[in-house]
């Protein structure tokens, strides 16, 4: 099969589009014929070797944790999925990923894909939507009627977070650049802060119950956000942490999160997509062979960037 792999850690140039063996399937696994995958900044962080001390990989390595496709083969102990099922998944980051024509996953991590969108587009959903779900609901305990501030609101996670928070009945404030305002308005966001020209501290005049930080700013900048939280409120951050001592002084909580694989949540998310409640914000589509050039543009992208492998009807 064709795959994008790197044989050593390094820059985007380390990514090679080349021949690779089709992976073997164990008893509790499925082989997925890949329709598409999506770029995540974490894929680039791993490729650079930044996590190699506690996330050891066997090289050469195939990146990408988001996938949509069709079940090609099932392991002998798999009963909940069948050959021909259209599926999507958030894959184990320590194993070869979906930047390939085929990928293997534990069956327990795979869910049936939404039916009302193109199967390739479903690859834009798993990692971003589950990070948003877990940040808002599992870690942030967001409730209807609460006020939430979402930073980087038009990004790959933020775009889902805005839609999920509105579905929950929250009042949603988001930070973004001006070229993302129209997308955020389509999702009925309540307030937008232009982070390039406006200060969160100046613009948020009524304190919020929850902050979901998705912006790659310094811990010092994240800590400043604590001042717009209500007493007893929570800041959930998927990136740099806030200062715990400042949080304690202000009487607020800080949670640093990392997304966990959860096929049950993916199934719930698929239903929301089919119900028209949320949809992926796809801003670019590229052939898989262009993955290296996508990595080179990290930090310059909005929404989700898809890598197309095969258009499966």
Protein backbone atom coordinates (compact mmCIF):
# COMPACT_ATOMS: atom_id res chain seq x y z
CA UNK A 1 0.00 0.00 0.00
CA UNK A 2 0.96 3.66 -0.23
CA UNK A 3 1.63 5.45 3.05
CA UNK A 4 3.30 8.58 4.39
CA UNK A 5 6.01 7.64 6.89
CA UNK A 6 9.02 9.11 8.63
CA UNK A 7 12.15 7.07 9.32
CA UNK A 8 13.57 9.55 11.82
CA UNK A 9 12.25 12.48 13.84
CA UNK A 10 12.67 15.86 12.23
CA UNK A 11 11.14 18.54 10.06
CA UNK A 12 8.25 18.10 7.63
CA UNK A 13 10.84 16.97 5.08
CA UNK A 14 11.14 13.71 7.03
CA UNK A 15 7.69 12.68 5.75
CA UNK A 16 8.00 10.32 2.78
CA UNK A 17 5.16 9.10 0.53
CA UNK A 18 6.22 5.51 -0.14
CA UNK A 19 5.33 1.84 -0.28
CA UNK A 20 4.62 0.15 3.07
CA UNK A 21 3.24 -3.25 4.12
CA UNK A 22 -0.49 -3.59 4.77
CA UNK A 23 -0.77 -4.12 8.55
CA UNK A 24 -1.83 -7.48 9.99
CA UNK A 25 -5.02 -7.78 12.04
CA UNK A 26 -5.09 -9.28 15.54
CA UNK A 27 -8.13 -10.98 17.09
CA UNK A 28 -9.59 -7.79 18.64
CA UNK A 29 -8.79 -5.48 15.73
CA UNK A 30 -10.19 -4.33 12.40
CA UNK A 31 -8.49 -3.37 9.14
CA UNK A 32 -9.86 -0.11 7.73
CA UNK A 33 -9.58 0.83 4.06
CA UNK A 34 -8.95 4.55 4.46
CA UNK A 35 -11.23 7.08 2.77
CA UNK A 36 -9.57 10.10 4.38
CA UNK A 37 -7.61 11.30 7.36
CA UNK A 38 -7.20 14.74 8.92
CA UNK A 39 -4.24 16.77 10.09
CA UNK A 40 -3.84 17.42 13.80
CA UNK A 41 -1.11 19.67 15.25
CA UNK A 42 -0.27 16.84 17.67
CA UNK A 43 0.82 14.73 14.67
CA UNK A 44 3.48 17.34 13.88
CA UNK A 45 4.56 17.59 17.51
CA UNK A 46 5.16 13.84 17.58
CA UNK A 47 6.97 13.92 14.23
CA UNK A 48 9.39 16.56 15.54
CA UNK A 49 10.35 14.22 18.40
CA UNK A 50 9.06 16.51 21.13
CA UNK A 51 7.27 13.63 22.88
CA UNK A 52 9.72 10.81 22.21
CA UNK A 53 10.83 10.44 25.83
CA UNK A 54 7.36 9.41 27.02
CA UNK A 55 5.72 8.45 23.72
CA UNK A 56 8.20 6.03 22.16
CA UNK A 57 7.49 5.04 18.56
CA UNK A 58 8.79 2.26 16.39
CA UNK A 59 10.29 3.82 13.28
CA UNK A 60 9.47 4.06 10.42
CA UNK A 61 6.18 5.50 11.63
CA UNK A 62 2.94 6.41 9.87
CA UNK A 63 1.22 9.45 11.46
CA UNK A 64 -2.41 10.64 11.75
CA UNK A 65 -4.94 9.70 14.42
CA UNK A 66 -8.18 10.68 12.64
CA UNK A 67 -9.64 8.28 10.07
CA UNK A 68 -12.76 7.46 8.12
CA UNK A 69 -13.17 4.46 5.86
CA UNK A 70 -14.65 1.02 5.36
CA UNK A 71 -13.99 -2.15 7.33
CA UNK A 72 -11.95 -4.46 5.10
CA UNK A 73 -11.24 -7.25 7.61
CA UNK A 74 -12.24 -8.09 11.19
CA UNK A 75 -10.34 -10.07 13.81
CA UNK A 76 -11.79 -13.35 14.96
CA UNK A 77 -13.08 -12.02 18.28
CA UNK A 78 -14.74 -8.89 16.81
CA UNK A 79 -18.53 -9.15 16.81
CA UNK A 80 -19.79 -5.54 16.85
CA UNK A 81 -18.36 -4.53 13.46
CA UNK A 82 -18.55 -6.22 10.05
CA UNK A 83 -16.75 -6.10 6.72
CA UNK A 84 -18.26 -3.28 4.66
CA UNK A 85 -19.22 -1.06 7.62
CA UNK A 86 -18.50 2.63 7.06
CA UNK A 87 -16.67 3.80 10.16
CA UNK A 88 -14.58 6.53 11.73
CA UNK A 89 -12.16 6.53 14.64
CA UNK A 90 -9.65 8.35 16.79
CA UNK A 91 -6.64 6.07 16.73
CA UNK A 92 -3.99 5.13 19.27
CA UNK A 93 -1.24 7.74 18.78
CA UNK A 94 1.50 5.23 19.65
CA UNK A 95 0.65 2.95 16.70
CA UNK A 96 0.94 3.44 12.95
CA UNK A 97 -1.79 5.82 11.87
CA UNK A 98 -4.13 6.66 9.01
CA UNK A 99 -1.81 8.46 6.58
CA UNK A 100 -2.02 5.32 4.46
CA UNK A 101 -4.34 3.29 2.28
CA UNK A 102 -5.03 0.90 5.17
CA UNK A 103 -4.83 1.17 8.95
CA UNK A 104 -5.46 -1.25 11.83
CA UNK A 105 -7.32 -0.25 14.99
CA UNK A 106 -8.65 -1.93 18.09
CA UNK A 107 -12.32 -2.54 17.33
CA UNK A 108 -13.30 -0.96 20.65
CA UNK A 109 -12.09 2.44 19.37
CA UNK A 110 -14.10 2.38 16.13
CA UNK A 111 -17.64 3.73 15.62
CA UNK A 112 -20.08 3.73 12.73
CA UNK A 113 -19.64 6.95 10.75
CA UNK A 114 -22.34 9.60 10.32
CA UNK A 115 -24.63 8.73 7.42
CA UNK A 116 -25.67 12.20 6.29
CA UNK A 117 -22.25 13.50 5.26
CA UNK A 118 -19.63 12.28 2.81
CA UNK A 119 -17.51 9.49 4.33
CA UNK A 120 -14.29 11.39 3.60
CA UNK A 121 -15.61 14.42 5.50
CA UNK A 122 -16.19 12.21 8.55
CA UNK A 123 -12.41 12.01 8.99
CA UNK A 124 -12.46 15.65 10.11
CA UNK A 125 -14.52 14.80 13.18
CA UNK A 126 -13.03 12.30 15.70
CA UNK A 127 -10.10 13.99 17.45
CA UNK A 128 -11.45 17.54 17.32
CA UNK A 129 -15.02 16.71 18.31
CA UNK A 130 -13.99 14.37 21.13
CA UNK A 131 -11.52 16.91 22.53
CA UNK A 132 -14.34 19.46 22.48
CA UNK A 133 -16.82 17.05 24.09
CA UNK A 134 -14.43 15.97 26.85
CA UNK A 135 -13.22 19.51 27.49
CA UNK A 136 -16.68 21.04 27.78
CA UNK A 137 -18.65 18.22 29.37
CA UNK A 138 -16.36 15.67 31.06
CA UNK A 139 -13.83 18.18 32.41
CA UNK A 140 -15.79 21.43 32.35
CA UNK A 141 -19.25 20.11 33.35
CA UNK A 142 -20.87 22.75 31.13
CA UNK A 143 -24.58 23.24 31.82
CA UNK A 144 -27.39 24.96 29.96
CA UNK A 145 -27.51 28.69 30.71
CA UNK A 146 -23.85 28.95 31.71
CA UNK A 147 -21.38 31.34 30.11
CA UNK A 148 -18.35 29.81 28.38
CA UNK A 149 -15.30 31.42 26.78
CA UNK A 150 -13.64 29.33 24.04
CA UNK A 151 -10.25 30.50 22.76
CA UNK A 152 -9.20 29.68 19.18
CA UNK A 153 -12.90 29.20 18.53
CA UNK A 154 -12.57 28.59 14.79
CA UNK A 155 -9.79 26.01 15.06
CA UNK A 156 -10.01 22.27 14.59
CA UNK A 157 -11.30 21.76 18.14
CA UNK A 158 -12.83 25.17 18.78
CA UNK A 159 -15.19 24.88 15.81
CA UNK A 160 -16.73 21.78 17.38
CA UNK A 161 -16.65 23.29 20.87
CA UNK A 162 -18.72 26.30 19.79
CA UNK A 163 -21.34 24.07 18.15
CA UNK A 164 -21.51 21.65 21.09
CA UNK A 165 -21.73 24.45 23.65
CA UNK A 166 -24.61 26.07 21.74
CA UNK A 167 -26.34 22.67 21.51
CA UNK A 168 -26.01 22.40 25.29
CA UNK A 169 -27.72 25.78 25.72
CA UNK A 170 -24.71 27.81 26.86
CA UNK A 171 -23.92 31.47 26.17
CA UNK A 172 -20.78 31.24 24.03
CA UNK A 173 -17.97 33.79 23.68
CA UNK A 174 -15.11 32.94 21.33
CA UNK A 175 -11.76 34.41 20.35
CA UNK A 176 -10.84 34.35 16.67
CA UNK A 177 -9.35 36.43 13.86
CA UNK A 178 -11.62 38.45 11.60
CA UNK A 179 -11.50 35.97 8.70
CA UNK A 180 -13.29 33.41 10.91
CA UNK A 181 -16.13 35.66 12.08
CA UNK A 182 -18.62 34.55 9.40
CA UNK A 183 -18.15 30.86 10.22
CA UNK A 184 -18.63 31.50 13.94
CA UNK A 185 -21.77 33.52 13.24
CA UNK A 186 -23.20 30.60 11.26
CA UNK A 187 -22.97 28.55 14.45
CA UNK A 188 -24.88 31.26 16.37
CA UNK A 189 -21.99 32.24 18.63
CA UNK A 190 -23.07 34.98 21.03
CA UNK A 191 -19.92 37.15 21.15
CA UNK A 192 -16.65 37.20 19.20
CA UNK A 193 -13.40 38.74 20.44
CA UNK A 194 -10.85 39.63 17.76
CA UNK A 195 -7.77 38.32 19.56
CA UNK A 196 -5.42 40.25 17.25
CA UNK A 197 -6.88 43.64 18.20
CA UNK A 198 -8.89 43.13 21.41
CA UNK A 199 -8.16 41.96 24.93
CA UNK A 200 -10.25 39.21 26.56
CA UNK A 201 -9.96 40.97 29.91
CA UNK A 202 -11.34 44.20 28.43
CA UNK A 203 -14.11 42.61 26.35
CA UNK A 204 -15.53 40.11 28.86
CA UNK A 205 -17.45 42.42 31.16
CA UNK A 206 -19.58 39.70 32.81
CA UNK A 207 -17.54 36.83 34.21
CA UNK A 208 -17.88 33.32 32.80
CA UNK A 209 -18.49 29.92 34.35
CA UNK A 210 -16.07 28.04 32.11
CA UNK A 211 -13.04 28.80 29.95
CA UNK A 212 -11.92 26.24 27.38
CA UNK A 213 -8.42 27.21 26.28
CA UNK A 214 -7.39 25.92 22.85
CA UNK A 215 -4.91 28.66 22.03
CA UNK A 216 -1.17 27.85 21.88
CA UNK A 217 -0.23 30.85 24.03
CA UNK A 218 2.16 30.85 26.98
CA UNK A 219 1.16 29.74 30.47
CA UNK A 220 1.45 33.39 31.52
CA UNK A 221 -1.22 34.34 28.97
CA UNK A 222 -3.45 31.41 30.00
CA UNK A 223 -3.14 32.49 33.64
CA UNK A 224 -4.42 35.99 32.74
CA UNK A 225 -7.66 34.38 31.58
CA UNK A 226 -8.41 33.22 35.13
CA UNK A 227 -9.44 36.77 36.04
CA UNK A 228 -12.57 36.57 33.86
CA UNK A 229 -13.82 33.42 35.65
CA UNK A 230 -16.55 33.53 38.26
CA UNK A 231 -15.50 32.33 41.70
CA UNK A 232 -15.80 28.55 41.63
CA UNK A 233 -15.49 28.52 37.85
CA UNK A 234 -13.18 26.28 35.83
CA UNK A 235 -10.51 26.75 33.18
CA UNK A 236 -9.93 23.64 31.07
CA UNK A 237 -6.82 23.82 28.91
CA UNK A 238 -5.81 21.43 26.15
CA UNK A 239 -2.43 23.15 25.78
CA UNK A 240 -0.29 25.15 28.21
CA UNK A 241 -1.41 25.12 31.88
CA UNK A 242 -2.40 28.06 34.05
CA UNK A 243 -0.67 28.94 37.33
CA UNK A 244 -2.30 26.85 40.08
CA UNK A 245 -1.33 29.32 42.81
CA UNK A 246 -3.13 32.17 41.05
CA UNK A 247 -6.16 29.93 40.53
CA UNK A 248 -6.21 29.14 44.25
CA UNK A 249 -6.05 32.85 45.17
CA UNK A 250 -8.99 33.57 42.86
CA UNK A 251 -11.04 30.60 44.05
CA UNK A 252 -11.22 28.96 40.63
CA UNK A 253 -10.28 25.54 39.25
CA UNK A 254 -7.78 24.58 36.57
CA UNK A 255 -7.86 21.32 34.58
CA UNK A 256 -5.24 20.32 32.04
CA UNK A 257 -6.69 17.71 29.71
CA UNK A 258 -5.60 15.28 27.01
CA UNK A 259 -8.22 13.66 24.79
CA UNK A 260 -9.04 10.00 25.43
CA UNK A 261 -10.30 7.49 22.86
CA UNK A 262 -14.00 6.80 23.38
CA UNK A 263 -16.14 5.11 20.71
CA UNK A 264 -19.35 5.66 22.72
CA UNK A 265 -18.82 9.42 22.55
CA UNK A 266 -18.03 9.12 18.84
CA UNK A 267 -21.37 7.38 18.35
CA UNK A 268 -23.17 10.23 20.15
CA UNK A 269 -21.29 12.76 18.03
CA UNK A 270 -22.21 10.89 14.84
CA UNK A 271 -25.87 11.14 15.83
CA UNK A 272 -25.54 14.90 16.37
CA UNK A 273 -23.98 15.20 12.91
CA UNK A 274 -26.83 13.18 11.38
CA UNK A 275 -29.35 15.35 13.24
CA UNK A 276 -27.77 18.47 11.71
CA UNK A 277 -26.70 19.83 15.11
CA UNK A 278 -22.97 19.94 14.34
CA UNK A 279 -20.87 19.70 11.22
CA UNK A 280 -17.13 19.66 10.58
CA UNK A 281 -15.51 22.93 9.56
CA UNK A 282 -13.32 21.73 6.67
CA UNK A 283 -11.17 24.48 5.19
CA UNK A 284 -8.77 22.54 2.93
CA UNK A 285 -8.63 19.21 1.11
CA UNK A 286 -5.38 17.70 -0.21
CA UNK A 287 -4.24 14.35 -1.61
CA UNK A 288 -2.43 12.23 0.97
CA UNK A 289 0.83 12.71 -0.93
CA UNK A 290 0.74 16.41 0.07
CA UNK A 291 0.90 15.71 3.81
CA UNK A 292 4.42 17.13 4.19
CA UNK A 293 3.34 20.49 2.76
CA UNK A 294 0.38 20.54 5.19
CA UNK A 295 2.79 19.99 8.10
CA UNK A 296 4.88 22.92 6.88
CA UNK A 297 1.84 25.21 7.21
CA UNK A 298 1.12 24.26 10.83
CA UNK A 299 -0.15 27.27 12.76
CA UNK A 300 -1.51 28.99 9.66
CA UNK A 301 -4.69 26.91 9.27
CA UNK A 302 -8.28 27.30 10.44
CA UNK A 303 -10.74 24.47 10.98
CA UNK A 304 -9.81 20.99 9.76
CA UNK A 305 -7.54 20.05 6.87
CA UNK A 306 -8.42 16.77 5.15
CA UNK A 307 -6.04 14.36 3.42
CA UNK A 308 -7.98 12.37 0.83
CA UNK A 309 -7.09 8.74 0.16
CA UNK A 310 -10.03 7.09 -1.63
CA UNK A 311 -13.53 8.33 -2.41
CA UNK A 312 -15.59 5.39 -1.14
CA UNK A 313 -19.29 5.54 -2.02
